[in-house]
Amino acid sequence: MFYKKSVEERIADRMAKRRPLEEGKTFEHGPAKFIFVSFIVIIVVVHFVGLAIIMEFS
């Protein structure tokens, strides 16, 4: 009665409509970029704090 495209077909249609990625633009999704940058910053800060603690007690 009603034809509904499969998930794979809908994803393929959506991907076909997208424009190609621009050079140097890695993240299209803003929240993903925010989470990635936050994660890197947290790792760097934790490493510096850990080094400071180790240097204080040695």
PDB file of N, CA and C in Angstrom:
ATOM      1  N   MET A   1       0.830  -1.186   0.000  1.00  0.00           N
ATOM      2  CA  MET A   1       0.000   0.000   0.000  1.00  0.00           C
ATOM      3  C   MET A   1       0.880   1.258   0.000  1.00  0.00           C
ATOM      4  N   PHE A   2       1.658   1.455   1.045  1.00  0.00           N
ATOM      5  CA  PHE A   2       2.560   2.602   1.112  1.00  0.00           C
ATOM      6  C   PHE A   2       3.985   2.085   1.029  1.00  0.00           C
ATOM      7  N   TYR A   3       4.755   2.647   0.118  1.00  0.00           N
ATOM      8  CA  TYR A   3       6.148   2.227  -0.032  1.00  0.00           C
ATOM      9  C   TYR A   3       7.035   3.179   0.767  1.00  0.00           C
ATOM     10  N   LYS A   4       7.834   2.608   1.641  1.00  0.00           N
ATOM     11  CA  LYS A   4       8.782   3.387   2.412  1.00  0.00           C
ATOM     12  C   LYS A   4      10.180   2.875   2.103  1.00  0.00           C
ATOM     13  N   LYS A   5      11.087   3.792   1.770  1.00  0.00           N
ATOM     14  CA  LYS A   5      12.450   3.386   1.443  1.00  0.00           C
ATOM     15  C   LYS A   5      13.123   2.796   2.672  1.00  0.00           C
ATOM     16  N   SER A   6      14.053   1.881   2.421  1.00  0.00           N
ATOM     17  CA  SER A   6      14.798   1.303   3.540  1.00  0.00           C
ATOM     18  C   SER A   6      15.741   2.345   4.108  1.00  0.00           C
ATOM     19  N   VAL A   7      16.261   2.061   5.279  1.00  0.00           N
ATOM     20  CA  VAL A   7      17.178   2.984   5.945  1.00  0.00           C
ATOM     21  C   VAL A   7      18.400   3.235   5.068  1.00  0.00           C
ATOM     22  N   GLU A   8      18.931   2.192   4.469  1.00  0.00           N
ATOM     23  CA  GLU A   8      20.111   2.335   3.619  1.00  0.00           C
ATOM     24  C   GLU A   8      19.839   3.246   2.433  1.00  0.00           C
ATOM     25  N   GLU A   9      18.663   3.107   1.817  1.00  0.00           N
ATOM     26  CA  GLU A   9      18.316   3.957   0.679  1.00  0.00           C
ATOM     27  C   GLU A   9      18.143   5.408   1.101  1.00  0.00           C
ATOM     28  N   ARG A  10      17.538   5.636   2.260  1.00  0.00           N
ATOM     29  CA  ARG A  10      17.364   7.006   2.733  1.00  0.00           C
ATOM     30  C   ARG A  10      18.705   7.647   3.057  1.00  0.00           C
ATOM     31  N   ILE A  11      19.614   6.881   3.672  1.00  0.00           N
ATOM     32  CA  ILE A  11      20.949   7.409   3.966  1.00  0.00           C
ATOM     33  C   ILE A  11      21.690   7.719   2.674  1.00  0.00           C
ATOM     34  N   ALA A  12      21.595   6.835   1.688  1.00  0.00           N
ATOM     35  CA  ALA A  12      22.262   7.060   0.403  1.00  0.00           C
ATOM     36  C   ALA A  12      21.715   8.311  -0.281  1.00  0.00           C
ATOM     37  N   ASP A  13      20.401   8.504  -0.236  1.00  0.00           N
ATOM     38  CA  ASP A  13      19.806   9.706  -0.826  1.00  0.00           C
ATOM     39  C   ASP A  13      20.303  10.968  -0.124  1.00  0.00           C
ATOM     40  N   ARG A  14      20.358  10.929   1.192  1.00  0.00           N
ATOM     41  CA  ARG A  14      20.809  12.084   1.963  1.00  0.00           C
ATOM     42  C   ARG A  14      22.281  12.390   1.683  1.00  0.00           C
ATOM     43  N   MET A  15      23.101  11.339   1.594  1.00  0.00           N
ATOM     44  CA  MET A  15      24.524  11.537   1.315  1.00  0.00           C
ATOM     45  C   MET A  15      24.727  12.094  -0.093  1.00  0.00           C
ATOM     46  N   ALA A  16      23.890  11.692  -1.044  1.00  0.00           N
ATOM     47  CA  ALA A  16      24.009  12.177  -2.421  1.00  0.00           C
ATOM     48  C   ALA A  16      23.680  13.666  -2.515  1.00  0.00           C
ATOM     49  N   LYS A  17      22.812  14.151  -1.654  1.00  0.00           N
ATOM     50  CA  LYS A  17      22.417  15.556  -1.682  1.00  0.00           C
ATOM     51  C   LYS A  17      23.449  16.474  -1.031  1.00  0.00           C
ATOM     52  N   ARG A  18      24.313  15.922  -0.202  1.00  0.00           N
ATOM     53  CA  ARG A  18      25.299  16.750   0.506  1.00  0.00           C
ATOM     54  C   ARG A  18      26.377  17.245  -0.446  1.00  0.00           C
ATOM     55  N   ARG A  19      26.864  18.436  -0.176  1.00  0.00           N
ATOM     56  CA  ARG A  19      27.968  18.946  -0.978  1.00  0.00           C
ATOM     57  C   ARG A  19      29.262  18.313  -0.473  1.00  0.00           C
ATOM     58  N   PRO A  20      30.283  18.260  -1.314  1.00  0.00           N
ATOM     59  CA  PRO A  20      31.534  17.637  -0.875  1.00  0.00           C
ATOM     60  C   PRO A  20      32.199  18.455   0.234  1.00  0.00           C
ATOM     61  N   LEU A  21      32.977  17.773   1.072  1.00  0.00           N
ATOM     62  CA  LEU A  21      33.672  18.449   2.160  1.00  0.00           C
ATOM     63  C   LEU A  21      34.712  19.407   1.612  1.00  0.00           C
ATOM     64  N   GLU A  22      34.856  20.528   2.289  1.00  0.00           N
ATOM     65  CA  GLU A  22      35.866  21.501   1.895  1.00  0.00           C
ATOM     66  C   GLU A  22      37.209  21.110   2.508  1.00  0.00           C
ATOM     67  N   GLU A  23      38.269  21.461   1.829  1.00  0.00           N
ATOM     68  CA  GLU A  23      39.613  21.158   2.318  1.00  0.00           C
ATOM     69  C   GLU A  23      39.853  21.891   3.636  1.00  0.00           C
ATOM     70  N   GLY A  24      40.336  21.160   4.629  1.00  0.00           N
ATOM     71  CA  GLY A  24      40.647  21.758   5.926  1.00  0.00           C
ATOM     72  C   GLY A  24      39.471  21.833   6.871  1.00  0.00           C
ATOM     73  N   LYS A  25      38.308  21.395   6.448  1.00  0.00           N
ATOM     74  CA  LYS A  25      37.134  21.414   7.321  1.00  0.00           C
ATOM     75  C   LYS A  25      36.851  19.982   7.755  1.00  0.00           C
ATOM     76  N   THR A  26      37.346  19.634   8.936  1.00  0.00           N
ATOM     77  CA  THR A  26      37.253  18.257   9.396  1.00  0.00           C
ATOM     78  C   THR A  26      35.896  17.971  10.020  1.00  0.00           C
ATOM     79  N   PHE A  27      35.418  18.865  10.866  1.00  0.00           N
ATOM     80  CA  PHE A  27      34.179  18.635  11.599  1.00  0.00           C
ATOM     81  C   PHE A  27      33.049  19.446  10.979  1.00  0.00           C
ATOM     82  N   GLU A  28      32.009  18.773  10.550  1.00  0.00           N
ATOM     83  CA  GLU A  28      30.824  19.469  10.084  1.00  0.00           C
ATOM     84  C   GLU A  28      29.853  19.706  11.234  1.00  0.00           C
ATOM     85  N   HIS A  29      29.969  18.904  12.247  1.00  0.00           N
ATOM     86  CA  HIS A  29      29.000  18.913  13.336  1.00  0.00           C
ATOM     87  C   HIS A  29      29.580  19.690  14.510  1.00  0.00           C
ATOM     88  N   GLY A  30      28.985  20.808  14.852  1.00  0.00           N
ATOM     89  CA  GLY A  30      29.500  21.681  15.905  1.00  0.00           C
ATOM     90  C   GLY A  30      29.666  21.005  17.255  1.00  0.00           C
ATOM     91  N   PRO A  31      28.652  20.303  17.766  1.00  0.00           N
ATOM     92  CA  PRO A  31      28.806  19.644  19.061  1.00  0.00           C
ATOM     93  C   PRO A  31      29.922  18.593  19.075  1.00  0.00           C
ATOM     94  N   ALA A  32      30.133  17.906  17.957  1.00  0.00           N
ATOM     95  CA  ALA A  32      31.217  16.922  17.908  1.00  0.00           C
ATOM     96  C   ALA A  32      32.565  17.616  18.026  1.00  0.00           C
ATOM     97  N   LYS A  33      32.695  18.761  17.380  1.00  0.00           N
ATOM     98  CA  LYS A  33      33.943  19.526  17.476  1.00  0.00           C
ATOM     99  C   LYS A  33      34.149  19.997  18.912  1.00  0.00           C
ATOM    100  N   PHE A  34      33.091  20.477  19.555  1.00  0.00           N
ATOM    101  CA  PHE A  34      33.188  20.945  20.939  1.00  0.00           C
ATOM    102  C   PHE A  34      33.617  19.814  21.867  1.00  0.00           C
ATOM    103  N   ILE A  35      33.022  18.643  21.720  1.00  0.00           N
ATOM    104  CA  ILE A  35      33.371  17.503  22.566  1.00  0.00           C
ATOM    105  C   ILE A  35      34.809  17.075  22.318  1.00  0.00           C
ATOM    106  N   PHE A  36      35.245  17.035  21.071  1.00  0.00           N
ATOM    107  CA  PHE A  36      36.609  16.635  20.740  1.00  0.00           C
ATOM    108  C   PHE A  36      37.623  17.605  21.346  1.00  0.00           C
ATOM    109  N   VAL A  37      37.417  18.897  21.158  1.00  0.00           N
ATOM    110  CA  VAL A  37      38.348  19.895  21.695  1.00  0.00           C
ATOM    111  C   VAL A  37      38.340  19.864  23.215  1.00  0.00           C
ATOM    112  N   SER A  38      37.169  19.723  23.825  1.00  0.00           N
ATOM    113  CA  SER A  38      37.085  19.649  25.287  1.00  0.00           C
ATOM    114  C   SER A  38      37.846  18.441  25.814  1.00  0.00           C
ATOM    115  N   PHE A  39      37.703  17.320  25.139  1.00  0.00           N
ATOM    116  CA  PHE A  39      38.389  16.103  25.561  1.00  0.00           C
ATOM    117  C   PHE A  39      39.906  16.289  25.510  1.00  0.00           C
ATOM    118  N   ILE A  40      40.413  16.876  24.441  1.00  0.00           N
ATOM    119  CA  ILE A  40      41.853  17.118  24.316  1.00  0.00           C
ATOM    120  C   ILE A  40      42.332  18.073  25.408  1.00  0.00           C
ATOM    121  N   VAL A  41      41.577  19.142  25.667  1.00  0.00           N
ATOM    122  CA  VAL A  41      41.964  20.110  26.702  1.00  0.00           C
ATOM    123  C   VAL A  41      41.986  19.448  28.071  1.00  0.00           C
ATOM    124  N   ILE A  42      40.999  18.636  28.378  1.00  0.00           N
ATOM    125  CA  ILE A  42      40.959  17.946  29.673  1.00  0.00           C
ATOM    126  C   ILE A  42      42.162  17.028  29.826  1.00  0.00           C
ATOM    127  N   ILE A  43      42.519  16.302  28.782  1.00  0.00           N
ATOM    128  CA  ILE A  43      43.681  15.400  28.853  1.00  0.00           C
ATOM    129  C   ILE A  43      44.957  16.184  29.123  1.00  0.00           C
ATOM    130  N   VAL A  44      45.142  17.312  28.432  1.00  0.00           N
ATOM    131  CA  VAL A  44      46.353  18.119  28.631  1.00  0.00           C
ATOM    132  C   VAL A  44      46.400  18.669  30.046  1.00  0.00           C
ATOM    133  N   VAL A  45      45.285  19.189  30.551  1.00  0.00           N
ATOM    134  CA  VAL A  45      45.252  19.751  31.902  1.00  0.00           C
ATOM    135  C   VAL A  45      45.533  18.671  32.939  1.00  0.00           C
ATOM    136  N   VAL A  46      44.953  17.491  32.797  1.00  0.00           N
ATOM    137  CA  VAL A  46      45.176  16.402  33.743  1.00  0.00           C
ATOM    138  C   VAL A  46      46.653  15.985  33.741  1.00  0.00           C
ATOM    139  N   HIS A  47      47.271  15.969  32.576  1.00  0.00           N
ATOM    140  CA  HIS A  47      48.687  15.617  32.519  1.00  0.00           C
ATOM    141  C   HIS A  47      49.547  16.655  33.241  1.00  0.00           C
ATOM    142  N   PHE A  48      49.257  17.934  33.025  1.00  0.00           N
ATOM    143  CA  PHE A  48      50.031  18.966  33.712  1.00  0.00           C
ATOM    144  C   PHE A  48      49.822  18.920  35.220  1.00  0.00           C
ATOM    145  N   VAL A  49      48.608  18.699  35.663  1.00  0.00           N
ATOM    146  CA  VAL A  49      48.337  18.595  37.104  1.00  0.00           C
ATOM    147  C   VAL A  49      49.045  17.378  37.680  1.00  0.00           C
ATOM    148  N   GLY A  50      48.999  16.268  36.971  1.00  0.00           N
ATOM    149  CA  GLY A  50      49.697  15.071  37.438  1.00  0.00           C
ATOM    150  C   GLY A  50      51.198  15.287  37.527  1.00  0.00           C
ATOM    151  N   LEU A  51      51.779  15.939  36.541  1.00  0.00           N
ATOM    152  CA  LEU A  51      53.211  16.241  36.596  1.00  0.00           C
ATOM    153  C   LEU A  51      53.547  17.170  37.749  1.00  0.00           C
ATOM    154  N   ALA A  52      52.708  18.163  37.992  1.00  0.00           N
ATOM    155  CA  ALA A  52      52.938  19.082  39.096  1.00  0.00           C
ATOM    156  C   ALA A  52      52.898  18.354  40.431  1.00  0.00           C
ATOM    157  N   ILE A  53      51.948  17.443  40.579  1.00  0.00           N
ATOM    158  CA  ILE A  53      51.854  16.681  41.840  1.00  0.00           C
ATOM    159  C   ILE A  53      53.075  15.785  42.007  1.00  0.00           C
ATOM    160  N   ILE A  54      53.477  15.120  40.946  1.00  0.00           N
ATOM    161  CA  ILE A  54      54.660  14.244  41.029  1.00  0.00           C
ATOM    162  C   ILE A  54      55.904  15.039  41.354  1.00  0.00           C
ATOM    163  N   MET A  55      56.073  16.215  40.760  1.00  0.00           N
ATOM    164  CA  MET A  55      57.252  17.034  41.013  1.00  0.00           C
ATOM    165  C   MET A  55      57.228  17.588  42.437  1.00  0.00           C
ATOM    166  N   GLU A  56      56.057  17.870  42.983  1.00  0.00           N
ATOM    167  CA  GLU A  56      55.954  18.400  44.340  1.00  0.00           C
ATOM    168  C   GLU A  56      56.363  17.374  45.380  1.00  0.00           C
ATOM    169  N   PHE A  57      56.010  16.118  45.173  1.00  0.00           N
ATOM    170  CA  PHE A  57      56.271  15.090  46.179  1.00  0.00           C
ATOM    171  C   PHE A  57      57.552  14.316  45.935  1.00  0.00           C
ATOM    172  N   SER A  58      58.330  14.666  44.926  1.00  0.00           N
ATOM    173  CA  SER A  58      59.573  13.914  44.691  1.00  0.00           C
ATOM    174  C   SER A  58      60.789  14.705  45.125  1.00  0.00           C
TER     175      SER A  58
END
